[in-house]
Amino acid sequence: MMAQSVVNLHRFRKMGSPILLAGKAVSFISAAMSLLGLQTAMISQFGENSSGFRRQMNAVTGAGVCALVVAAVYMILHSRRRTQEEPGQ
């Protein structure tokens, strides 16, 4: 799922449509959130009893997902402004 969303994000980036790109960015964020949930569940189930490792891995992955969410929100707002500024609307 994650690989397919990366491919779609790259493919729609070349098309030049900010609305489609923002939609694919949301799909990519959804895949990243699923990956974070899977990581948390797997570390809880199969990891050692080291809470430091669990906390560190969840913090690093969570920070990456949070940065992606901020970037996606920026893209959505930017595409909204860009489509409102286009002539003929």
C-alpha atoms as a PDB file:
ATOM      1  CA  MET A   1       0.000   0.000   0.000  1.00  0.00           C
ATOM      2  CA  MET A   2       2.796   2.400   0.903  1.00  0.00           C
ATOM      3  CA  ALA A   3       4.715   1.693  -2.297  1.00  0.00           C
ATOM      4  CA  GLN A   4       1.614   2.168  -4.444  1.00  0.00           C
ATOM      5  CA  SER A   5       0.843   5.515  -2.797  1.00  0.00           C
ATOM      6  CA  VAL A   6       4.422   6.689  -3.459  1.00  0.00           C
ATOM      7  CA  VAL A   7       4.101   5.694  -7.127  1.00  0.00           C
ATOM      8  CA  ASN A   8       0.739   7.474  -7.424  1.00  0.00           C
ATOM      9  CA  LEU A   9       2.120  10.574  -5.713  1.00  0.00           C
ATOM     10  CA  HIS A  10       5.013  10.702  -8.186  1.00  0.00           C
ATOM     11  CA  ARG A  11       2.771  10.021 -11.194  1.00  0.00           C
ATOM     12  CA  PHE A  12       0.238  12.725 -10.320  1.00  0.00           C
ATOM     13  CA  ARG A  13       3.019  15.210  -9.542  1.00  0.00           C
ATOM     14  CA  LYS A  14       4.052  15.115 -13.188  1.00  0.00           C
ATOM     15  CA  MET A  15       0.485  15.896 -14.302  1.00  0.00           C
ATOM     16  CA  GLY A  16       0.624  19.351 -12.734  1.00  0.00           C
ATOM     17  CA  SER A  17      -2.818  19.339 -11.127  1.00  0.00           C
ATOM     18  CA  PRO A  18      -2.566  20.612  -7.553  1.00  0.00           C
ATOM     19  CA  ILE A  19      -5.943  19.161  -6.556  1.00  0.00           C
ATOM     20  CA  LEU A  20      -5.083  15.649  -7.698  1.00  0.00           C
ATOM     21  CA  LEU A  21      -1.668  15.917  -6.091  1.00  0.00           C
ATOM     22  CA  ALA A  22      -3.211  16.970  -2.774  1.00  0.00           C
ATOM     23  CA  GLY A  23      -5.580  14.004  -2.928  1.00  0.00           C
ATOM     24  CA  LYS A  24      -2.729  11.605  -3.510  1.00  0.00           C
ATOM     25  CA  ALA A  25      -0.802  13.243  -0.667  1.00  0.00           C
ATOM     26  CA  VAL A  26      -3.701  12.455   1.662  1.00  0.00           C
ATOM     27  CA  SER A  27      -3.593   8.848   0.463  1.00  0.00           C
ATOM     28  CA  PHE A  28       0.142   8.762   1.174  1.00  0.00           C
ATOM     29  CA  ILE A  29      -0.454  10.149   4.679  1.00  0.00           C
ATOM     30  CA  SER A  30      -3.053   7.464   5.299  1.00  0.00           C
ATOM     31  CA  ALA A  31      -0.528   4.779   4.350  1.00  0.00           C
ATOM     32  CA  ALA A  32       2.091   6.351   6.637  1.00  0.00           C
ATOM     33  CA  MET A  33      -0.368   6.413   9.554  1.00  0.00           C
ATOM     34  CA  SER A  34      -1.134   2.738   8.951  1.00  0.00           C
ATOM     35  CA  LEU A  35       2.583   2.005   8.971  1.00  0.00           C
ATOM     36  CA  LEU A  36       2.959   3.785  12.321  1.00  0.00           C
ATOM     37  CA  GLY A  37       0.080   1.783  13.790  1.00  0.00           C
ATOM     38  CA  LEU A  38       1.562  -1.472  12.502  1.00  0.00           C
ATOM     39  CA  GLN A  39       4.965  -0.601  13.937  1.00  0.00           C
ATOM     40  CA  THR A  40       3.462   0.169  17.339  1.00  0.00           C
ATOM     41  CA  ALA A  41       1.509  -3.091  17.400  1.00  0.00           C
ATOM     42  CA  MET A  42       4.469  -5.196  16.286  1.00  0.00           C
ATOM     43  CA  ILE A  43       6.856  -3.662  18.809  1.00  0.00           C
ATOM     44  CA  SER A  44       4.305  -4.233  21.572  1.00  0.00           C
ATOM     45  CA  GLN A  45       3.762  -7.843  20.560  1.00  0.00           C
ATOM     46  CA  PHE A  46       7.218  -9.011  19.530  1.00  0.00           C
ATOM     47  CA  GLY A  47       9.583  -6.483  21.081  1.00  0.00           C
ATOM     48  CA  GLU A  48      11.542  -6.917  24.228  1.00  0.00           C
ATOM     49  CA  ASN A  49      10.388  -5.308  27.447  1.00  0.00           C
ATOM     50  CA  SER A  50      12.543  -2.261  26.741  1.00  0.00           C
ATOM     51  CA  SER A  51      10.218   0.719  26.907  1.00  0.00           C
ATOM     52  CA  GLY A  52      13.053   3.045  25.866  1.00  0.00           C
ATOM     53  CA  PHE A  53      13.408   1.381  22.461  1.00  0.00           C
ATOM     54  CA  ARG A  54       9.639   1.404  21.923  1.00  0.00           C
ATOM     55  CA  ARG A  55       9.381   5.065  22.872  1.00  0.00           C
ATOM     56  CA  GLN A  56      12.340   6.036  20.671  1.00  0.00           C
ATOM     57  CA  MET A  57      11.087   4.196  17.583  1.00  0.00           C
ATOM     58  CA  ASN A  58       7.559   5.522  17.965  1.00  0.00           C
ATOM     59  CA  ALA A  59       8.890   9.066  18.447  1.00  0.00           C
ATOM     60  CA  VAL A  60      11.061   8.926  15.322  1.00  0.00           C
ATOM     61  CA  THR A  61       8.368   7.401  13.127  1.00  0.00           C
ATOM     62  CA  GLY A  62       5.684   9.635  14.627  1.00  0.00           C
ATOM     63  CA  ALA A  63       7.771  12.749  13.940  1.00  0.00           C
ATOM     64  CA  GLY A  64       8.181  11.665  10.320  1.00  0.00           C
ATOM     65  CA  VAL A  65       4.458  11.071   9.911  1.00  0.00           C
ATOM     66  CA  CYS A  66       3.709  14.399  11.604  1.00  0.00           C
ATOM     67  CA  ALA A  67       6.020  16.195   9.153  1.00  0.00           C
ATOM     68  CA  LEU A  68       4.219  14.497   6.260  1.00  0.00           C
ATOM     69  CA  VAL A  69       0.849  15.607   7.631  1.00  0.00           C
ATOM     70  CA  VAL A  70       2.045  19.213   7.888  1.00  0.00           C
ATOM     71  CA  ALA A  71       3.360  19.033   4.317  1.00  0.00           C
ATOM     72  CA  ALA A  72       0.047  17.597   3.074  1.00  0.00           C
ATOM     73  CA  VAL A  73      -1.950  20.343   4.800  1.00  0.00           C
ATOM     74  CA  TYR A  74       0.323  22.935   3.191  1.00  0.00           C
ATOM     75  CA  MET A  75      -0.193  21.305  -0.215  1.00  0.00           C
ATOM     76  CA  ILE A  76      -3.966  21.307   0.193  1.00  0.00           C
ATOM     77  CA  LEU A  77      -4.044  24.966   1.222  1.00  0.00           C
ATOM     78  CA  HIS A  78      -1.662  25.907  -1.592  1.00  0.00           C
ATOM     79  CA  SER A  79      -3.751  24.060  -4.187  1.00  0.00           C
ATOM     80  CA  ARG A  80      -6.894  25.758  -2.900  1.00  0.00           C
ATOM     81  CA  ARG A  81      -5.330  29.200  -3.286  1.00  0.00           C
ATOM     82  CA  ARG A  82      -3.937  28.324  -6.692  1.00  0.00           C
ATOM     83  CA  THR A  83      -7.271  27.126  -8.055  1.00  0.00           C
ATOM     84  CA  GLN A  84      -9.029  30.247  -6.737  1.00  0.00           C
ATOM     85  CA  GLU A  85      -6.490  32.521  -8.455  1.00  0.00           C
ATOM     86  CA  GLU A  86      -6.805  30.852 -11.875  1.00  0.00           C
ATOM     87  CA  PRO A  87      -8.653  32.930 -14.465  1.00  0.00           C
ATOM     88  CA  GLY A  88     -11.935  31.558 -15.691  1.00  0.00           C
ATOM     89  CA  GLN A  89     -13.118  30.347 -12.306  1.00  0.00           C
END
